[in-house]
Amino acid sequence: MRFLETDEHDDPILSVVNLVDLFLVVIAVLMIVIVSNPLNPFSDKSVVVIENPGQADMRMLVKDGEELREYESSGEIGEGEGIKAGVAYRLADGRMVYVPEAPAGGASGGAASADGAAQ
């Protein structure tokens, strides 16, 4: 009898099983995205994320262990107190040379280059 035979293509349970498989794949992809995110809440690493560097709306997110801090640019130029410590020069070969300034009453010291040699 043809009416008593079951046709596998018309079984509604098979389509539900296919949907469950699809959702499992979507969940696996989302888990991979969460783990690969640098601001992953399950990571103990220290991370700094800079959004829009050099722009007026620049933001910095600093994650140190479980603590997450956010810094936003105010657009103002910073100002501080200090004195000139010396002069830096770039040589023709790309190395940097730093020449410290002598203290107010002392003798002048040698210059230290980027490769650590004294001149």
N, C-alpha and C. Protein backbone atom coordinates (compact mmCIF):
# COMPACT_ATOMS: atom_id res chain seq x y z
N MET A 1 0.82 -1.18 0.00
CA MET A 1 0.00 0.00 0.00
C MET A 1 0.87 1.24 0.00
N ARG A 2 0.54 2.07 -0.89
CA ARG A 2 1.34 3.27 -1.10
C ARG A 2 1.09 4.33 -0.03
N PHE A 3 -0.08 4.38 0.53
CA PHE A 3 -0.41 5.42 1.51
C PHE A 3 0.26 5.18 2.86
N LEU A 4 0.61 3.96 3.17
CA LEU A 4 1.23 3.64 4.45
C LEU A 4 2.74 3.84 4.44
N GLU A 5 3.35 3.99 3.30
CA GLU A 5 4.79 4.21 3.22
C GLU A 5 5.09 5.66 3.61
N THR A 6 6.16 5.86 4.34
CA THR A 6 6.54 7.22 4.73
C THR A 6 7.57 7.76 3.76
N ASP A 7 7.41 8.99 3.43
CA ASP A 7 8.36 9.65 2.54
C ASP A 7 9.27 10.53 3.39
N GLU A 8 10.56 10.32 3.28
CA GLU A 8 11.50 11.05 4.13
C GLU A 8 11.55 12.54 3.82
N HIS A 9 11.21 12.91 2.62
CA HIS A 9 11.27 14.33 2.25
C HIS A 9 10.14 15.15 2.88
N ASP A 10 9.10 14.52 3.31
CA ASP A 10 7.97 15.23 3.91
C ASP A 10 7.98 15.21 5.44
N ASP A 11 9.04 14.67 6.03
CA ASP A 11 9.10 14.55 7.49
C ASP A 11 9.48 15.91 8.10
N PRO A 12 8.61 16.56 8.90
CA PRO A 12 8.92 17.88 9.46
C PRO A 12 10.04 17.85 10.51
N ILE A 13 10.29 16.70 11.12
CA ILE A 13 11.36 16.61 12.12
C ILE A 13 12.73 16.81 11.48
N LEU A 14 12.90 16.38 10.23
CA LEU A 14 14.19 16.53 9.56
C LEU A 14 14.53 18.01 9.34
N SER A 15 13.56 18.82 9.02
CA SER A 15 13.85 20.25 8.83
C SER A 15 14.17 20.91 10.18
N VAL A 16 13.56 20.46 11.27
CA VAL A 16 13.89 21.00 12.60
C VAL A 16 15.32 20.63 12.97
N VAL A 17 15.73 19.41 12.65
CA VAL A 17 17.10 18.98 12.93
C VAL A 17 18.09 19.82 12.12
N ASN A 18 17.75 20.14 10.89
CA ASN A 18 18.63 20.99 10.08
C ASN A 18 18.74 22.39 10.67
N LEU A 19 17.65 22.93 11.21
CA LEU A 19 17.70 24.25 11.85
C LEU A 19 18.57 24.21 13.11
N VAL A 20 18.49 23.16 13.88
CA VAL A 20 19.33 23.02 15.07
C VAL A 20 20.80 22.98 14.66
N ASP A 21 21.13 22.26 13.60
CA ASP A 21 22.51 22.22 13.11
C ASP A 21 22.97 23.62 12.68
N LEU A 22 22.11 24.35 12.01
CA LEU A 22 22.46 25.70 11.58
C LEU A 22 22.73 26.61 12.77
N PHE A 23 21.90 26.53 13.80
CA PHE A 23 22.11 27.36 14.99
C PHE A 23 23.39 26.98 15.72
N LEU A 24 23.74 25.71 15.73
CA LEU A 24 25.00 25.30 16.35
C LEU A 24 26.20 25.90 15.63
N VAL A 25 26.14 25.96 14.32
CA VAL A 25 27.22 26.57 13.54
C VAL A 25 27.30 28.06 13.83
N VAL A 26 26.16 28.74 13.90
CA VAL A 26 26.15 30.18 14.20
C VAL A 26 26.71 30.44 15.58
N ILE A 27 26.36 29.64 16.56
CA ILE A 27 26.87 29.81 17.92
C ILE A 27 28.38 29.58 17.95
N ALA A 28 28.88 28.61 17.22
CA ALA A 28 30.32 28.35 17.17
C ALA A 28 31.06 29.53 16.57
N VAL A 29 30.53 30.12 15.51
CA VAL A 29 31.17 31.29 14.89
C VAL A 29 31.18 32.47 15.85
N LEU A 30 30.08 32.70 16.57
CA LEU A 30 30.03 33.80 17.54
C LEU A 30 31.03 33.58 18.68
N MET A 31 31.20 32.35 19.13
CA MET A 31 32.18 32.07 20.18
C MET A 31 33.60 32.36 19.70
N ILE A 32 33.90 32.02 18.45
CA ILE A 32 35.23 32.31 17.90
C ILE A 32 35.46 33.81 17.82
N VAL A 33 34.43 34.56 17.45
CA VAL A 33 34.56 36.03 17.38
C VAL A 33 34.80 36.61 18.77
N ILE A 34 34.13 36.12 19.78
CA ILE A 34 34.31 36.62 21.15
C ILE A 34 35.71 36.32 21.65
N VAL A 35 36.21 35.13 21.39
CA VAL A 35 37.54 34.75 21.88
C VAL A 35 38.63 35.53 21.17
N SER A 36 38.44 35.85 19.88
CA SER A 36 39.48 36.56 19.14
C SER A 36 39.45 38.07 19.36
N ASN A 37 38.44 38.60 20.02
CA ASN A 37 38.34 40.03 20.31
C ASN A 37 39.40 40.42 21.34
N PRO A 38 40.17 41.49 21.08
CA PRO A 38 41.19 41.89 22.05
C PRO A 38 40.63 42.33 23.40
N LEU A 39 39.41 42.77 23.44
CA LEU A 39 38.78 43.18 24.70
C LEU A 39 37.95 42.05 25.30
N ASN A 40 38.34 40.83 25.02
CA ASN A 40 37.65 39.64 25.51
C ASN A 40 37.53 39.70 27.04
N PRO A 41 36.33 39.58 27.58
CA PRO A 41 36.18 39.67 29.04
C PRO A 41 36.78 38.49 29.79
N PHE A 42 37.10 37.40 29.10
CA PHE A 42 37.64 36.22 29.76
C PHE A 42 39.17 36.19 29.72
N SER A 43 39.80 37.22 29.16
CA SER A 43 41.26 37.27 29.04
C SER A 43 41.85 38.12 30.15
N ASP A 44 43.03 37.73 30.64
CA ASP A 44 43.71 38.50 31.68
C ASP A 44 44.81 39.40 31.10
N LYS A 45 44.91 39.50 29.80
CA LYS A 45 45.96 40.28 29.15
C LYS A 45 45.68 41.77 29.27
N SER A 46 46.75 42.57 29.21
CA SER A 46 46.61 44.02 29.17
C SER A 46 46.58 44.45 27.70
N VAL A 47 45.56 45.23 27.33
CA VAL A 47 45.36 45.62 25.94
C VAL A 47 45.02 47.10 25.88
N VAL A 48 45.56 47.79 24.85
CA VAL A 48 45.19 49.18 24.58
C VAL A 48 44.63 49.23 23.16
N VAL A 49 43.40 49.72 23.01
CA VAL A 49 42.77 49.86 21.70
C VAL A 49 42.56 51.34 21.45
N ILE A 50 43.07 51.83 20.31
CA ILE A 50 42.93 53.25 19.96
C ILE A 50 41.99 53.35 18.76
N GLU A 51 40.91 54.07 18.92
CA GLU A 51 39.94 54.29 17.85
C GLU A 51 40.15 55.68 17.29
N ASN A 52 40.14 55.82 15.99
CA ASN A 52 40.30 57.09 15.27
C ASN A 52 41.57 57.82 15.71
N PRO A 53 42.77 57.21 15.54
CA PRO A 53 43.99 57.88 16.01
C PRO A 53 44.26 59.18 15.27
N GLY A 54 44.60 60.21 16.02
CA GLY A 54 44.93 61.51 15.47
C GLY A 54 43.72 62.37 15.10
N GLN A 55 42.53 61.86 15.27
CA GLN A 55 41.32 62.62 14.93
C GLN A 55 40.80 63.34 16.17
N ALA A 56 39.87 64.24 15.96
CA ALA A 56 39.30 64.99 17.08
C ALA A 56 38.47 64.11 18.00
N ASP A 57 37.91 63.02 17.46
CA ASP A 57 37.08 62.14 18.28
C ASP A 57 37.82 60.85 18.67
N MET A 58 39.12 60.95 18.86
CA MET A 58 39.94 59.78 19.22
C MET A 58 39.55 59.26 20.60
N ARG A 59 39.50 57.91 20.73
CA ARG A 59 39.21 57.26 22.00
C ARG A 59 40.25 56.20 22.26
N MET A 60 40.58 56.01 23.52
CA MET A 60 41.49 54.94 23.93
C MET A 60 40.77 54.07 24.94
N LEU A 61 40.80 52.76 24.71
CA LEU A 61 40.27 51.80 25.67
C LEU A 61 41.46 51.04 26.23
N VAL A 62 41.61 51.05 27.56
CA VAL A 62 42.71 50.37 28.23
C VAL A 62 42.12 49.27 29.09
N LYS A 63 42.49 48.02 28.78
CA LYS A 63 42.03 46.88 29.55
C LYS A 63 43.23 46.30 30.28
N ASP A 64 43.18 46.36 31.60
CA ASP A 64 44.25 45.84 32.43
C ASP A 64 43.64 44.77 33.34
N GLY A 65 43.80 43.50 32.94
CA GLY A 65 43.16 42.42 33.68
C GLY A 65 41.66 42.48 33.50
N GLU A 66 40.93 42.67 34.57
CA GLU A 66 39.47 42.77 34.49
C GLU A 66 38.98 44.21 34.47
N GLU A 67 39.88 45.17 34.64
CA GLU A 67 39.51 46.59 34.67
C GLU A 67 39.55 47.17 33.26
N LEU A 68 38.50 47.90 32.87
CA LEU A 68 38.41 48.53 31.56
C LEU A 68 38.19 50.03 31.77
N ARG A 69 39.14 50.83 31.24
CA ARG A 69 39.04 52.29 31.35
C ARG A 69 38.93 52.88 29.95
N GLU A 70 38.23 53.99 29.84
CA GLU A 70 38.05 54.67 28.56
C GLU A 70 38.53 56.11 28.68
N TYR A 71 39.35 56.53 27.72
CA TYR A 71 39.81 57.91 27.66
C TYR A 71 39.35 58.50 26.34
N GLU A 72 38.82 59.72 26.40
CA GLU A 72 38.38 60.41 25.19
C GLU A 72 39.19 61.68 25.01
N SER A 73 39.47 62.01 23.76
CA SER A 73 40.22 63.22 23.45
C SER A 73 39.32 64.44 23.65
N SER A 74 39.87 65.45 24.31
CA SER A 74 39.11 66.68 24.51
C SER A 74 39.37 67.68 23.39
N GLY A 75 40.38 67.40 22.56
CA GLY A 75 40.70 68.30 21.46
C GLY A 75 41.60 69.45 21.87
N GLU A 76 41.90 69.58 23.16
CA GLU A 76 42.76 70.66 23.64
C GLU A 76 44.21 70.21 23.60
N ILE A 77 45.11 71.15 23.45
CA ILE A 77 46.53 70.86 23.45
C ILE A 77 47.00 70.77 24.90
N GLY A 78 47.74 69.72 25.19
CA GLY A 78 48.22 69.53 26.55
C GLY A 78 49.33 70.50 26.90
N GLU A 79 49.45 70.78 28.18
CA GLU A 79 50.46 71.70 28.65
C GLU A 79 50.95 71.19 29.98
N GLY A 80 52.24 71.27 30.21
CA GLY A 80 52.78 70.79 31.47
C GLY A 80 53.97 71.61 31.91
N GLU A 81 54.52 71.24 33.03
CA GLU A 81 55.68 71.94 33.55
C GLU A 81 56.90 71.09 33.32
N GLY A 82 58.01 71.70 33.05
CA GLY A 82 59.25 70.96 32.84
C GLY A 82 60.31 71.88 32.25
N ILE A 83 61.48 71.31 32.05
CA ILE A 83 62.58 72.06 31.47
C ILE A 83 63.12 71.29 30.28
N LYS A 84 63.81 71.97 29.42
CA LYS A 84 64.41 71.34 28.26
C LYS A 84 65.55 70.44 28.72
N ALA A 85 65.51 69.17 28.31
CA ALA A 85 66.50 68.20 28.78
C ALA A 85 67.63 68.01 27.79
N GLY A 86 67.46 68.42 26.57
CA GLY A 86 68.50 68.23 25.57
C GLY A 86 67.92 68.37 24.18
N VAL A 87 68.72 67.94 23.20
CA VAL A 87 68.32 68.06 21.80
C VAL A 87 68.54 66.71 21.14
N ALA A 88 67.61 66.32 20.27
CA ALA A 88 67.75 65.08 19.50
C ALA A 88 67.97 65.43 18.04
N TYR A 89 68.91 64.72 17.40
CA TYR A 89 69.23 64.93 15.99
C TYR A 89 69.06 63.61 15.25
N ARG A 90 68.54 63.67 14.02
CA ARG A 90 68.46 62.48 13.16
C ARG A 90 69.62 62.54 12.18
N LEU A 91 70.44 61.49 12.15
CA LEU A 91 71.57 61.40 11.24
C LEU A 91 71.10 60.98 9.85
N ALA A 92 71.98 61.10 8.86
CA ALA A 92 71.63 60.77 7.48
C ALA A 92 71.26 59.30 7.32
N ASP A 93 71.85 58.43 8.14
CA ASP A 93 71.54 57.00 8.04
C ASP A 93 70.28 56.60 8.82
N GLY A 94 69.58 57.55 9.44
CA GLY A 94 68.33 57.28 10.13
C GLY A 94 68.47 57.13 11.63
N ARG A 95 69.70 57.03 12.15
CA ARG A 95 69.88 56.90 13.60
C ARG A 95 69.57 58.23 14.29
N MET A 96 69.16 58.13 15.53
CA MET A 96 68.88 59.32 16.33
C MET A 96 70.00 59.51 17.34
N VAL A 97 70.43 60.76 17.52
CA VAL A 97 71.45 61.10 18.51
C VAL A 97 70.83 62.10 19.48
N TYR A 98 70.95 61.80 20.77
CA TYR A 98 70.43 62.67 21.81
C TYR A 98 71.60 63.34 22.49
N VAL A 99 71.57 64.67 22.56
CA VAL A 99 72.61 65.44 23.23
C VAL A 99 71.98 66.10 24.44
N PRO A 100 72.30 65.58 25.65
CA PRO A 100 71.71 66.20 26.85
C PRO A 100 72.35 67.55 27.12
N GLU A 101 71.56 68.46 27.71
CA GLU A 101 72.08 69.76 28.09
C GLU A 101 72.81 69.62 29.41
N ALA A 102 73.87 70.41 29.56
CA ALA A 102 74.65 70.38 30.79
C ALA A 102 73.84 71.05 31.90
N PRO A 103 73.96 70.55 33.13
CA PRO A 103 73.30 71.23 34.26
C PRO A 103 73.84 72.66 34.39
N ALA A 104 73.15 73.50 35.12
CA ALA A 104 73.47 74.92 35.20
C ALA A 104 74.90 75.18 35.67
N GLY A 105 75.46 74.37 36.54
CA GLY A 105 76.79 74.66 37.04
C GLY A 105 77.81 73.58 36.70
N GLY A 106 77.45 72.58 35.91
CA GLY A 106 78.33 71.46 35.67
C GLY A 106 78.99 71.50 34.32
N ALA A 107 79.90 70.55 34.12
CA ALA A 107 80.60 70.42 32.85
C ALA A 107 79.69 69.69 31.87
N SER A 108 79.96 69.88 30.57
CA SER A 108 79.12 69.21 29.58
C SER A 108 79.51 67.75 29.49
N GLY A 109 78.52 66.91 29.31
CA GLY A 109 78.75 65.46 29.20
C GLY A 109 78.82 65.05 27.75
N GLY A 110 79.07 63.76 27.54
CA GLY A 110 79.12 63.21 26.18
C GLY A 110 77.73 62.99 25.65
N ALA A 111 77.66 62.77 24.34
CA ALA A 111 76.39 62.52 23.70
C ALA A 111 76.19 61.01 23.52
N ALA A 112 75.01 60.55 23.74
CA ALA A 112 74.70 59.11 23.55
C ALA A 112 73.85 58.97 22.30
N SER A 113 74.24 58.06 21.43
CA SER A 113 73.47 57.84 20.19
C SER A 113 72.47 56.74 20.41
N ALA A 114 71.67 56.50 19.37
CA ALA A 114 70.62 55.50 19.46
C ALA A 114 71.16 54.09 19.65
N ASP A 115 72.39 53.83 19.18
CA ASP A 115 72.93 52.49 19.35
C ASP A 115 73.71 52.35 20.66
N GLY A 116 73.68 53.36 21.51
CA GLY A 116 74.24 53.26 22.85
C GLY A 116 75.69 53.67 22.95
N ALA A 117 76.34 54.05 21.87
CA ALA A 117 77.75 54.43 21.92
C ALA A 117 77.87 55.88 22.33
N ALA A 118 78.90 56.18 23.10
CA ALA A 118 79.15 57.55 23.53
C ALA A 118 80.08 58.21 22.52
N GLN A 119 79.87 59.49 22.26
CA GLN A 119 80.74 60.21 21.31
C GLN A 119 81.63 61.17 22.06
